[in-house]
Amino acid sequence: MKRSWEESDFKVIGVTGGMASGKSHISKHFYRNYNYGLFNADKLVHILMATDPETIAAIEFAFPGSTVNRRTDRDILSDIVTKDPSALQTLEKILHPYIKYMAEYSIEQAYSSGKKGIVLDIPLLYESGADKYCKAVIVAHTVHEKERAMKRPGMTEEKWQVLTARQDTLEQRLEHSHKHPKHPVFLVDTDGSKETVKERSTTSWRNG
């Protein structure tokens, strides 16, 4: 049974891409300029780890000692994942169902409130299964991805290697356009000025 928003002009645009690829810049552009809702998976994860007892307990069960002051300590968890790359897959299995559920909830909320659409800013869009809600997908890309990421607090070469190993390559993300014909996939180069990136994003949105 189709949801009400699926049979309307309401647009769900997925924005994905590698770490520090410019996803948030694109997502905020639609949110600020086109009356779109915004779902940010990274922010949701931060909230869950800080305030949701069920999530915190599940992570503590999988990674004993990761809870400090009744919240998941992100630094401790980061060290665990960096030292044991397989731990990242375990963490994703805990978090992805929440992301998918809250993405759908956010879509319903945006539709009910009269928004023209919503942007799903989800780094692992396809891996989480949230791509099934999208009517179009934008893949953010930059040749300076690693350079940007290494400027983030706490980022190391080892951590970069672990985190990016679990992500699709650019080629794999674009291949999804063939695997999922129901929604077009657009590549947006985020190198250049902010205005240039906005123009590229808008062009993709209008074509979607």
N, C-alpha and C. Protein backbone atom coordinates (compact mmCIF):
# COMPACT_ATOMS: atom_id res chain seq x y z
N MET A 1 0.84 -1.20 0.00
CA MET A 1 0.00 0.00 0.00
C MET A 1 0.87 1.25 0.00
N LYS A 2 0.60 2.13 -0.96
CA LYS A 2 1.41 3.34 -1.07
C LYS A 2 1.03 4.35 0.00
N ARG A 3 2.05 5.07 0.47
CA ARG A 3 1.81 6.14 1.42
C ARG A 3 1.29 7.35 0.67
N SER A 4 0.57 8.23 1.37
CA SER A 4 -0.06 9.38 0.71
C SER A 4 0.95 10.27 0.00
N TRP A 5 2.10 10.47 0.59
CA TRP A 5 3.08 11.36 -0.03
C TRP A 5 3.71 10.76 -1.29
N GLU A 6 3.66 9.45 -1.42
CA GLU A 6 4.24 8.80 -2.60
C GLU A 6 3.43 9.07 -3.86
N GLU A 7 2.15 9.37 -3.71
CA GLU A 7 1.29 9.60 -4.86
C GLU A 7 1.07 11.09 -5.11
N SER A 8 1.87 11.93 -4.48
CA SER A 8 1.74 13.37 -4.63
C SER A 8 2.99 13.94 -5.31
N ASP A 9 3.03 15.27 -5.43
CA ASP A 9 4.21 15.94 -6.00
C ASP A 9 5.30 16.15 -4.96
N PHE A 10 5.05 15.70 -3.75
CA PHE A 10 6.02 15.82 -2.66
C PHE A 10 7.29 15.05 -3.03
N LYS A 11 8.44 15.73 -2.93
CA LYS A 11 9.70 15.12 -3.34
C LYS A 11 10.55 14.72 -2.14
N VAL A 12 11.08 13.53 -2.22
CA VAL A 12 12.04 13.05 -1.24
C VAL A 12 13.38 12.91 -1.96
N ILE A 13 14.32 13.74 -1.59
CA ILE A 13 15.63 13.72 -2.23
C ILE A 13 16.67 13.18 -1.25
N GLY A 14 17.31 12.11 -1.62
CA GLY A 14 18.39 11.57 -0.82
C GLY A 14 19.69 12.25 -1.18
N VAL A 15 20.45 12.63 -0.19
CA VAL A 15 21.78 13.22 -0.42
C VAL A 15 22.80 12.33 0.28
N THR A 16 23.71 11.77 -0.50
CA THR A 16 24.71 10.89 0.06
C THR A 16 26.07 11.25 -0.53
N GLY A 17 27.08 10.54 -0.09
CA GLY A 17 28.44 10.84 -0.54
C GLY A 17 29.44 10.45 0.52
N GLY A 18 30.70 10.56 0.20
CA GLY A 18 31.74 10.21 1.15
C GLY A 18 31.87 11.22 2.27
N MET A 19 32.75 10.91 3.20
CA MET A 19 33.00 11.80 4.31
C MET A 19 33.56 13.14 3.81
N ALA A 20 33.02 14.24 4.34
CA ALA A 20 33.48 15.58 3.98
C ALA A 20 33.30 15.89 2.49
N SER A 21 32.30 15.28 1.88
CA SER A 21 32.07 15.48 0.44
C SER A 21 31.18 16.69 0.14
N GLY A 22 30.59 17.29 1.18
CA GLY A 22 29.73 18.46 0.95
C GLY A 22 28.25 18.16 1.02
N LYS A 23 27.88 17.03 1.62
CA LYS A 23 26.48 16.63 1.71
C LYS A 23 25.63 17.67 2.45
N SER A 24 26.12 18.09 3.59
CA SER A 24 25.34 19.01 4.44
C SER A 24 25.12 20.35 3.76
N HIS A 25 26.10 20.81 3.01
CA HIS A 25 25.96 22.08 2.29
C HIS A 25 24.82 22.00 1.28
N ILE A 26 24.75 20.90 0.56
CA ILE A 26 23.68 20.70 -0.41
C ILE A 26 22.33 20.59 0.30
N SER A 27 22.28 19.81 1.35
CA SER A 27 21.02 19.59 2.07
C SER A 27 20.47 20.89 2.65
N LYS A 28 21.33 21.69 3.26
CA LYS A 28 20.89 22.95 3.85
C LYS A 28 20.41 23.93 2.78
N HIS A 29 20.95 23.83 1.60
CA HIS A 29 20.52 24.70 0.49
C HIS A 29 19.04 24.47 0.19
N PHE A 30 18.62 23.22 0.11
CA PHE A 30 17.21 22.93 -0.15
C PHE A 30 16.34 23.33 1.04
N TYR A 31 16.83 23.07 2.22
CA TYR A 31 16.08 23.38 3.44
C TYR A 31 15.85 24.89 3.57
N ARG A 32 16.86 25.67 3.27
CA ARG A 32 16.77 27.12 3.48
C ARG A 32 16.07 27.86 2.33
N ASN A 33 16.12 27.30 1.14
CA ASN A 33 15.65 28.05 -0.02
C ASN A 33 14.41 27.50 -0.74
N TYR A 34 14.01 26.26 -0.43
CA TYR A 34 12.93 25.67 -1.21
C TYR A 34 11.81 25.07 -0.37
N ASN A 35 11.70 25.47 0.88
CA ASN A 35 10.64 24.97 1.76
C ASN A 35 10.66 23.45 1.86
N TYR A 36 11.84 22.91 2.02
CA TYR A 36 12.02 21.48 2.20
C TYR A 36 12.29 21.17 3.67
N GLY A 37 11.83 20.01 4.12
CA GLY A 37 12.23 19.52 5.41
C GLY A 37 13.65 18.98 5.32
N LEU A 38 14.23 18.68 6.46
CA LEU A 38 15.61 18.16 6.47
C LEU A 38 15.77 17.08 7.53
N PHE A 39 16.22 15.92 7.09
CA PHE A 39 16.56 14.84 8.01
C PHE A 39 18.05 14.60 7.91
N ASN A 40 18.75 14.74 9.04
CA ASN A 40 20.20 14.57 9.06
C ASN A 40 20.53 13.34 9.92
N ALA A 41 21.01 12.30 9.29
CA ALA A 41 21.27 11.04 9.99
C ALA A 41 22.37 11.19 11.04
N ASP A 42 23.40 11.96 10.75
CA ASP A 42 24.49 12.13 11.71
C ASP A 42 23.99 12.80 12.99
N LYS A 43 23.13 13.81 12.85
CA LYS A 43 22.58 14.48 14.03
C LYS A 43 21.70 13.53 14.84
N LEU A 44 20.93 12.71 14.12
CA LEU A 44 20.09 11.73 14.82
C LEU A 44 20.94 10.79 15.65
N VAL A 45 22.03 10.30 15.07
CA VAL A 45 22.91 9.38 15.78
C VAL A 45 23.49 10.03 17.03
N HIS A 46 23.87 11.30 16.92
CA HIS A 46 24.40 12.02 18.08
C HIS A 46 23.35 12.08 19.19
N ILE A 47 22.11 12.36 18.81
CA ILE A 47 21.02 12.46 19.79
C ILE A 47 20.75 11.11 20.43
N LEU A 48 20.70 10.05 19.63
CA LEU A 48 20.44 8.71 20.14
C LEU A 48 21.51 8.29 21.15
N MET A 49 22.76 8.55 20.81
CA MET A 49 23.85 8.14 21.69
C MET A 49 23.89 8.94 22.99
N ALA A 50 23.30 10.12 22.96
CA ALA A 50 23.33 10.98 24.14
C ALA A 50 22.09 10.83 25.02
N THR A 51 20.95 10.46 24.40
CA THR A 51 19.70 10.55 25.16
C THR A 51 18.80 9.31 25.12
N ASP A 52 19.01 8.41 24.18
CA ASP A 52 18.08 7.28 24.04
C ASP A 52 18.58 6.06 24.81
N PRO A 53 17.90 5.68 25.89
CA PRO A 53 18.35 4.56 26.72
C PRO A 53 18.49 3.25 25.95
N GLU A 54 17.56 2.99 25.02
CA GLU A 54 17.60 1.73 24.27
C GLU A 54 18.85 1.66 23.39
N THR A 55 19.15 2.75 22.71
CA THR A 55 20.35 2.79 21.85
C THR A 55 21.61 2.67 22.68
N ILE A 56 21.66 3.43 23.75
CA ILE A 56 22.84 3.42 24.62
C ILE A 56 23.08 2.02 25.19
N ALA A 57 22.00 1.36 25.60
CA ALA A 57 22.11 0.01 26.16
C ALA A 57 22.57 -0.98 25.10
N ALA A 58 22.06 -0.86 23.88
CA ALA A 58 22.44 -1.77 22.80
C ALA A 58 23.92 -1.61 22.46
N ILE A 59 24.39 -0.37 22.43
CA ILE A 59 25.80 -0.12 22.13
C ILE A 59 26.69 -0.62 23.27
N GLU A 60 26.25 -0.40 24.51
CA GLU A 60 27.01 -0.88 25.68
C GLU A 60 27.09 -2.41 25.67
N PHE A 61 26.01 -3.07 25.29
CA PHE A 61 26.01 -4.53 25.22
C PHE A 61 27.03 -5.02 24.19
N ALA A 62 27.08 -4.33 23.05
CA ALA A 62 28.01 -4.72 21.98
C ALA A 62 29.44 -4.30 22.29
N PHE A 63 29.57 -3.16 22.97
CA PHE A 63 30.90 -2.61 23.26
C PHE A 63 30.99 -2.22 24.74
N PRO A 64 31.21 -3.18 25.61
CA PRO A 64 31.27 -2.90 27.05
C PRO A 64 32.27 -1.80 27.39
N GLY A 65 31.82 -0.88 28.24
CA GLY A 65 32.69 0.22 28.65
C GLY A 65 32.53 1.47 27.83
N SER A 66 31.59 1.43 26.86
CA SER A 66 31.40 2.59 25.98
C SER A 66 30.46 3.63 26.57
N THR A 67 29.85 3.30 27.71
CA THR A 67 28.90 4.23 28.34
C THR A 67 29.56 4.97 29.49
N VAL A 68 29.43 6.30 29.46
CA VAL A 68 29.95 7.15 30.53
C VAL A 68 28.86 8.16 30.89
N ASN A 69 28.52 8.22 32.16
CA ASN A 69 27.47 9.16 32.62
C ASN A 69 26.15 8.96 31.86
N ARG A 70 25.80 7.67 31.69
CA ARG A 70 24.52 7.28 31.08
C ARG A 70 24.38 7.73 29.62
N ARG A 71 25.48 7.91 28.95
CA ARG A 71 25.45 8.19 27.51
C ARG A 71 26.63 7.50 26.84
N THR A 72 26.49 7.24 25.55
CA THR A 72 27.58 6.62 24.81
C THR A 72 28.71 7.63 24.64
N ASP A 73 29.89 7.26 25.07
CA ASP A 73 31.05 8.13 24.92
C ASP A 73 31.59 7.96 23.50
N ARG A 74 31.45 8.97 22.69
CA ARG A 74 31.81 8.87 21.28
C ARG A 74 33.32 8.69 21.08
N ASP A 75 34.12 9.24 21.98
CA ASP A 75 35.57 9.08 21.86
C ASP A 75 35.98 7.63 22.13
N ILE A 76 35.39 7.03 23.16
CA ILE A 76 35.68 5.63 23.47
C ILE A 76 35.23 4.74 22.31
N LEU A 77 34.03 5.01 21.82
CA LEU A 77 33.49 4.22 20.71
C LEU A 77 34.36 4.37 19.46
N SER A 78 34.84 5.58 19.22
CA SER A 78 35.70 5.83 18.08
C SER A 78 36.99 5.03 18.18
N ASP A 79 37.56 4.95 19.37
CA ASP A 79 38.78 4.17 19.57
C ASP A 79 38.53 2.69 19.32
N ILE A 80 37.37 2.20 19.77
CA ILE A 80 37.03 0.79 19.57
C ILE A 80 36.92 0.47 18.09
N VAL A 81 36.22 1.33 17.37
CA VAL A 81 36.00 1.12 15.93
C VAL A 81 37.31 1.22 15.16
N THR A 82 38.18 2.14 15.56
CA THR A 82 39.45 2.32 14.87
C THR A 82 40.34 1.09 15.05
N LYS A 83 40.33 0.51 16.25
CA LYS A 83 41.18 -0.65 16.54
C LYS A 83 40.59 -1.94 15.97
N ASP A 84 39.28 -1.99 15.80
CA ASP A 84 38.62 -3.20 15.30
C ASP A 84 37.61 -2.81 14.21
N PRO A 85 38.05 -2.79 12.96
CA PRO A 85 37.18 -2.37 11.86
C PRO A 85 35.85 -3.11 11.79
N SER A 86 35.81 -4.39 12.24
CA SER A 86 34.56 -5.14 12.20
C SER A 86 33.53 -4.56 13.16
N ALA A 87 33.99 -3.79 14.15
CA ALA A 87 33.08 -3.18 15.12
C ALA A 87 32.16 -2.16 14.46
N LEU A 88 32.65 -1.54 13.40
CA LEU A 88 31.84 -0.54 12.70
C LEU A 88 30.60 -1.19 12.09
N GLN A 89 30.75 -2.38 11.56
CA GLN A 89 29.62 -3.10 10.98
C GLN A 89 28.60 -3.44 12.06
N THR A 90 29.08 -3.83 13.23
CA THR A 90 28.19 -4.12 14.35
C THR A 90 27.43 -2.88 14.77
N LEU A 91 28.13 -1.76 14.83
CA LEU A 91 27.49 -0.49 15.20
C LEU A 91 26.43 -0.09 14.19
N GLU A 92 26.71 -0.28 12.92
CA GLU A 92 25.75 0.07 11.87
C GLU A 92 24.48 -0.78 11.97
N LYS A 93 24.63 -2.04 12.35
CA LYS A 93 23.46 -2.91 12.50
C LYS A 93 22.56 -2.43 13.63
N ILE A 94 23.15 -1.78 14.62
CA ILE A 94 22.36 -1.22 15.72
C ILE A 94 21.67 0.06 15.27
N LEU A 95 22.37 0.90 14.54
CA LEU A 95 21.87 2.24 14.23
C LEU A 95 20.98 2.33 12.99
N HIS A 96 21.24 1.51 11.98
CA HIS A 96 20.51 1.64 10.73
C HIS A 96 18.99 1.50 10.85
N PRO A 97 18.48 0.58 11.66
CA PRO A 97 17.02 0.51 11.80
C PRO A 97 16.41 1.80 12.36
N TYR A 98 17.11 2.45 13.27
CA TYR A 98 16.64 3.73 13.81
C TYR A 98 16.64 4.80 12.72
N ILE A 99 17.71 4.82 11.94
CA ILE A 99 17.82 5.82 10.87
C ILE A 99 16.70 5.65 9.86
N LYS A 100 16.47 4.42 9.45
CA LYS A 100 15.41 4.16 8.47
C LYS A 100 14.04 4.53 9.01
N TYR A 101 13.77 4.16 10.25
CA TYR A 101 12.48 4.47 10.87
C TYR A 101 12.27 5.98 11.00
N MET A 102 13.29 6.68 11.48
CA MET A 102 13.16 8.12 11.69
C MET A 102 13.14 8.89 10.37
N ALA A 103 13.77 8.33 9.34
CA ALA A 103 13.70 8.96 8.02
C ALA A 103 12.26 8.94 7.53
N GLU A 104 11.61 7.80 7.65
CA GLU A 104 10.21 7.69 7.22
C GLU A 104 9.31 8.60 8.07
N TYR A 105 9.55 8.63 9.36
CA TYR A 105 8.76 9.50 10.25
C TYR A 105 8.93 10.97 9.85
N SER A 106 10.16 11.37 9.54
CA SER A 106 10.43 12.76 9.15
C SER A 106 9.76 13.11 7.83
N ILE A 107 9.72 12.15 6.93
CA ILE A 107 9.03 12.36 5.65
C ILE A 107 7.55 12.63 5.90
N GLU A 108 6.93 11.81 6.71
CA GLU A 108 5.51 11.98 7.02
C GLU A 108 5.25 13.33 7.68
N GLN A 109 6.13 13.74 8.58
CA GLN A 109 5.98 15.01 9.27
C GLN A 109 6.11 16.18 8.31
N ALA A 110 7.08 16.12 7.42
CA ALA A 110 7.29 17.19 6.45
C ALA A 110 6.10 17.30 5.50
N TYR A 111 5.61 16.14 5.07
CA TYR A 111 4.45 16.13 4.16
C TYR A 111 3.21 16.71 4.85
N SER A 112 2.98 16.30 6.08
CA SER A 112 1.80 16.75 6.82
C SER A 112 1.84 18.24 7.14
N SER A 113 3.05 18.78 7.26
CA SER A 113 3.19 20.20 7.60
C SER A 113 3.18 21.12 6.38
N GLY A 114 3.03 20.55 5.19
CA GLY A 114 2.91 21.37 3.99
C GLY A 114 4.21 21.68 3.28
N LYS A 115 5.29 20.98 3.62
CA LYS A 115 6.55 21.19 2.93
C LYS A 115 6.46 20.68 1.49
N LYS A 116 7.28 21.25 0.62
CA LYS A 116 7.30 20.80 -0.77
C LYS A 116 8.01 19.46 -0.91
N GLY A 117 8.85 19.17 0.04
CA GLY A 117 9.60 17.92 0.00
C GLY A 117 10.49 17.83 1.21
N ILE A 118 11.40 16.87 1.18
CA ILE A 118 12.35 16.71 2.28
C ILE A 118 13.66 16.17 1.72
N VAL A 119 14.74 16.57 2.35
CA VAL A 119 16.06 16.06 1.99
C VAL A 119 16.50 15.08 3.07
N LEU A 120 16.91 13.89 2.65
CA LEU A 120 17.45 12.90 3.57
C LEU A 120 18.96 12.92 3.45
N ASP A 121 19.62 13.56 4.40
CA ASP A 121 21.08 13.66 4.42
C ASP A 121 21.61 12.43 5.17
N ILE A 122 21.94 11.38 4.42
CA ILE A 122 22.33 10.10 5.02
C ILE A 122 23.59 9.58 4.32
N PRO A 123 24.73 9.60 5.01
CA PRO A 123 25.97 9.12 4.39
C PRO A 123 25.85 7.72 3.81
N LEU A 124 25.25 6.80 4.58
CA LEU A 124 25.07 5.42 4.11
C LEU A 124 23.61 5.22 3.69
N LEU A 125 23.19 5.99 2.73
CA LEU A 125 21.80 6.00 2.29
C LEU A 125 21.34 4.62 1.83
N TYR A 126 22.12 4.00 0.95
CA TYR A 126 21.74 2.70 0.41
C TYR A 126 21.96 1.58 1.42
N GLU A 127 23.04 1.70 2.18
CA GLU A 127 23.34 0.67 3.17
C GLU A 127 22.27 0.60 4.26
N SER A 128 21.66 1.75 4.59
CA SER A 128 20.63 1.79 5.63
C SER A 128 19.26 1.39 5.11
N GLY A 129 19.09 1.36 3.79
CA GLY A 129 17.81 1.01 3.20
C GLY A 129 16.87 2.18 3.02
N ALA A 130 17.31 3.38 3.41
CA ALA A 130 16.45 4.56 3.31
C ALA A 130 16.30 5.06 1.88
N ASP A 131 17.10 4.53 0.97
CA ASP A 131 16.99 4.94 -0.42
C ASP A 131 15.63 4.60 -1.02
N LYS A 132 14.94 3.63 -0.43
CA LYS A 132 13.66 3.20 -1.00
C LYS A 132 12.60 4.29 -0.93
N TYR A 133 12.81 5.30 -0.09
CA TYR A 133 11.85 6.40 0.05
C TYR A 133 12.09 7.50 -0.99
N CYS A 134 13.24 7.48 -1.65
CA CYS A 134 13.66 8.63 -2.46
C CYS A 134 13.05 8.64 -3.87
N LYS A 135 12.76 9.85 -4.33
CA LYS A 135 12.34 10.05 -5.71
C LYS A 135 13.50 10.52 -6.58
N ALA A 136 14.57 10.94 -5.92
CA ALA A 136 15.81 11.31 -6.60
C ALA A 136 16.93 11.24 -5.58
N VAL A 137 18.14 11.01 -6.05
CA VAL A 137 19.31 10.95 -5.17
C VAL A 137 20.42 11.82 -5.73
N ILE A 138 21.02 12.62 -4.85
CA ILE A 138 22.17 13.42 -5.22
C ILE A 138 23.40 12.83 -4.53
N VAL A 139 24.42 12.57 -5.31
CA VAL A 139 25.69 12.08 -4.77
C VAL A 139 26.68 13.23 -4.75
N ALA A 140 27.06 13.67 -3.55
CA ALA A 140 28.03 14.75 -3.43
C ALA A 140 29.44 14.18 -3.63
N HIS A 141 30.27 14.93 -4.33
CA HIS A 141 31.61 14.42 -4.62
C HIS A 141 32.61 15.56 -4.69
N THR A 142 33.80 15.30 -4.18
CA THR A 142 34.92 16.23 -4.31
C THR A 142 36.22 15.45 -4.36
N VAL A 143 37.17 15.94 -5.11
CA VAL A 143 38.49 15.29 -5.15
C VAL A 143 39.28 15.63 -3.89
N HIS A 144 38.76 16.57 -3.09
CA HIS A 144 39.44 16.99 -1.86
C HIS A 144 38.82 16.38 -0.61
N GLU A 145 38.12 15.28 -0.78
CA GLU A 145 37.40 14.65 0.33
C GLU A 145 38.32 14.35 1.52
N LYS A 146 39.43 13.68 1.27
CA LYS A 146 40.33 13.32 2.37
C LYS A 146 40.96 14.57 2.98
N GLU A 147 41.34 15.49 2.15
CA GLU A 147 41.94 16.74 2.64
C GLU A 147 40.99 17.47 3.60
N ARG A 148 39.73 17.52 3.25
CA ARG A 148 38.73 18.17 4.11
C ARG A 148 38.54 17.38 5.40
N ALA A 149 38.43 16.06 5.26
CA ALA A 149 38.16 15.22 6.42
C ALA A 149 39.28 15.27 7.45
N MET A 150 40.52 15.35 6.98
CA MET A 150 41.65 15.33 7.90
C MET A 150 41.74 16.60 8.75
N LYS A 151 40.97 17.61 8.38
CA LYS A 151 40.94 18.85 9.16
C LYS A 151 39.98 18.77 10.33
N ARG A 152 39.17 17.70 10.37
CA ARG A 152 38.19 17.56 11.45
C ARG A 152 38.87 17.14 12.74
N PRO A 153 38.38 17.63 13.87
CA PRO A 153 38.97 17.27 15.16
C PRO A 153 38.97 15.76 15.40
N GLY A 154 40.10 15.23 15.82
CA GLY A 154 40.19 13.81 16.14
C GLY A 154 40.39 12.88 14.96
N MET A 155 40.40 13.40 13.75
CA MET A 155 40.57 12.54 12.58
C MET A 155 42.03 12.15 12.42
N THR A 156 42.26 10.88 12.18
CA THR A 156 43.61 10.36 11.94
C THR A 156 43.59 9.53 10.66
N GLU A 157 44.76 9.21 10.16
CA GLU A 157 44.86 8.38 8.97
C GLU A 157 44.22 7.02 9.20
N GLU A 158 44.48 6.45 10.37
CA GLU A 158 43.92 5.13 10.70
C GLU A 158 42.40 5.17 10.73
N LYS A 159 41.85 6.19 11.38
CA LYS A 159 40.40 6.32 11.46
C LYS A 159 39.80 6.55 10.08
N TRP A 160 40.45 7.37 9.28
CA TRP A 160 39.98 7.63 7.91
C TRP A 160 39.88 6.32 7.12
N GLN A 161 40.90 5.48 7.21
CA GLN A 161 40.92 4.23 6.48
C GLN A 161 39.78 3.31 6.92
N VAL A 162 39.53 3.24 8.23
CA VAL A 162 38.47 2.37 8.76
C VAL A 162 37.09 2.85 8.32
N LEU A 163 36.85 4.16 8.45
CA LEU A 163 35.53 4.70 8.13
C LEU A 163 35.22 4.64 6.64
N THR A 164 36.18 4.93 5.81
CA THR A 164 35.93 4.94 4.37
C THR A 164 35.87 3.53 3.79
N ALA A 165 36.45 2.56 4.49
CA ALA A 165 36.42 1.18 3.99
C ALA A 165 35.01 0.63 3.94
N ARG A 166 34.12 1.16 4.80
CA ARG A 166 32.74 0.68 4.87
C ARG A 166 31.82 1.43 3.91
N GLN A 167 32.32 2.49 3.30
CA GLN A 167 31.48 3.29 2.41
C GLN A 167 31.61 2.84 0.96
N ASP A 168 30.54 3.02 0.21
CA ASP A 168 30.60 2.76 -1.23
C ASP A 168 31.59 3.73 -1.88
N THR A 169 32.24 3.27 -2.93
CA THR A 169 33.04 4.17 -3.74
C THR A 169 32.11 5.04 -4.57
N LEU A 170 32.65 6.07 -5.20
CA LEU A 170 31.83 6.92 -6.06
C LEU A 170 31.20 6.09 -7.16
N GLU A 171 31.96 5.20 -7.75
CA GLU A 171 31.44 4.36 -8.83
C GLU A 171 30.28 3.48 -8.36
N GLN A 172 30.42 2.94 -7.15
CA GLN A 172 29.35 2.09 -6.61
C GLN A 172 28.09 2.89 -6.34
N ARG A 173 28.25 4.12 -5.86
CA ARG A 173 27.07 4.96 -5.61
C ARG A 173 26.34 5.26 -6.92
N LEU A 174 27.09 5.54 -7.96
CA LEU A 174 26.47 5.86 -9.24
C LEU A 174 25.82 4.62 -9.87
N GLU A 175 26.35 3.45 -9.55
CA GLU A 175 25.78 2.21 -10.09
C GLU A 175 24.37 1.97 -9.56
N HIS A 176 24.06 2.58 -8.43
CA HIS A 176 22.72 2.40 -7.87
C HIS A 176 21.64 2.95 -8.80
N SER A 177 22.02 3.86 -9.69
CA SER A 177 21.04 4.42 -10.62
C SER A 177 20.51 3.33 -11.56
N HIS A 178 21.32 2.31 -11.78
CA HIS A 178 20.90 1.19 -12.64
C HIS A 178 20.14 0.14 -11.83
N LYS A 179 20.54 -0.01 -10.57
CA LYS A 179 19.89 -0.99 -9.71
C LYS A 179 18.53 -0.51 -9.22
N HIS A 180 18.37 0.81 -9.14
CA HIS A 180 17.14 1.39 -8.61
C HIS A 180 16.56 2.37 -9.64
N PRO A 181 15.98 1.87 -10.71
CA PRO A 181 15.50 2.73 -11.80
C PRO A 181 14.36 3.66 -11.41
N LYS A 182 13.76 3.46 -10.25
CA LYS A 182 12.63 4.32 -9.88
C LYS A 182 13.06 5.73 -9.52
N HIS A 183 14.34 5.92 -9.22
CA HIS A 183 14.78 7.28 -8.94
C HIS A 183 16.09 7.59 -9.67
N PRO A 184 16.17 8.77 -10.27
CA PRO A 184 17.42 9.16 -10.93
C PRO A 184 18.49 9.50 -9.90
N VAL A 185 19.74 9.29 -10.28
CA VAL A 185 20.88 9.61 -9.42
C VAL A 185 21.73 10.66 -10.11
N PHE A 186 22.02 11.76 -9.39
CA PHE A 186 22.78 12.87 -9.95
C PHE A 186 24.08 13.07 -9.19
N LEU A 187 25.15 13.27 -9.91
CA LEU A 187 26.45 13.56 -9.30
C LEU A 187 26.63 15.07 -9.24
N VAL A 188 26.90 15.59 -8.04
CA VAL A 188 27.14 17.02 -7.87
C VAL A 188 28.55 17.23 -7.36
N ASP A 189 29.36 17.91 -8.16
CA ASP A 189 30.73 18.24 -7.79
C ASP A 189 30.68 19.40 -6.80
N THR A 190 31.21 19.19 -5.59
CA THR A 190 31.15 20.24 -4.57
C THR A 190 32.43 21.08 -4.50
N ASP A 191 33.30 20.91 -5.48
CA ASP A 191 34.45 21.80 -5.58
C ASP A 191 33.98 23.11 -6.20
N GLY A 192 34.55 24.21 -5.77
CA GLY A 192 34.13 25.51 -6.29
C GLY A 192 33.47 26.33 -5.19
N SER A 193 32.95 27.49 -5.58
CA SER A 193 32.32 28.39 -4.61
C SER A 193 31.00 27.81 -4.11
N LYS A 194 30.51 28.33 -2.99
CA LYS A 194 29.24 27.87 -2.45
C LYS A 194 28.10 28.13 -3.42
N GLU A 195 28.15 29.26 -4.09
CA GLU A 195 27.09 29.60 -5.05
C GLU A 195 27.09 28.64 -6.23
N THR A 196 28.28 28.26 -6.67
CA THR A 196 28.38 27.31 -7.79
C THR A 196 27.79 25.96 -7.41
N VAL A 197 28.09 25.51 -6.19
CA VAL A 197 27.56 24.23 -5.72
C VAL A 197 26.05 24.30 -5.59
N LYS A 198 25.54 25.43 -5.12
CA LYS A 198 24.09 25.61 -5.01
C LYS A 198 23.43 25.50 -6.38
N GLU A 199 24.03 26.13 -7.38
CA GLU A 199 23.48 26.09 -8.75
C GLU A 199 23.47 24.66 -9.28
N ARG A 200 24.54 23.94 -9.05
CA ARG A 200 24.61 22.54 -9.51
C ARG A 200 23.54 21.69 -8.83
N SER A 201 23.35 21.93 -7.53
CA SER A 201 22.37 21.16 -6.77
C SER A 201 20.97 21.46 -7.25
N THR A 202 20.68 22.73 -7.50
CA THR A 202 19.36 23.14 -7.96
C THR A 202 19.05 22.53 -9.31
N THR A 203 20.04 22.48 -10.19
CA THR A 203 19.84 21.88 -11.52
C THR A 203 19.47 20.42 -11.38
N SER A 204 20.14 19.71 -10.48
CA SER A 204 19.82 18.29 -10.26
C SER A 204 18.42 18.13 -9.72
N TRP A 205 18.06 18.99 -8.79
CA TRP A 205 16.72 18.94 -8.16
C TRP A 205 15.63 19.16 -9.21
N ARG A 206 15.83 20.10 -10.09
CA ARG A 206 14.80 20.37 -11.11
C ARG A 206 14.70 19.26 -12.13
N ASN A 207 15.81 18.54 -12.32
CA ASN A 207 15.78 17.43 -13.27
C ASN A 207 15.25 16.15 -12.65
N GLY A 208 15.20 16.15 -11.31
CA GLY A 208 14.82 14.91 -10.61
C GLY A 208 13.36 14.58 -10.67
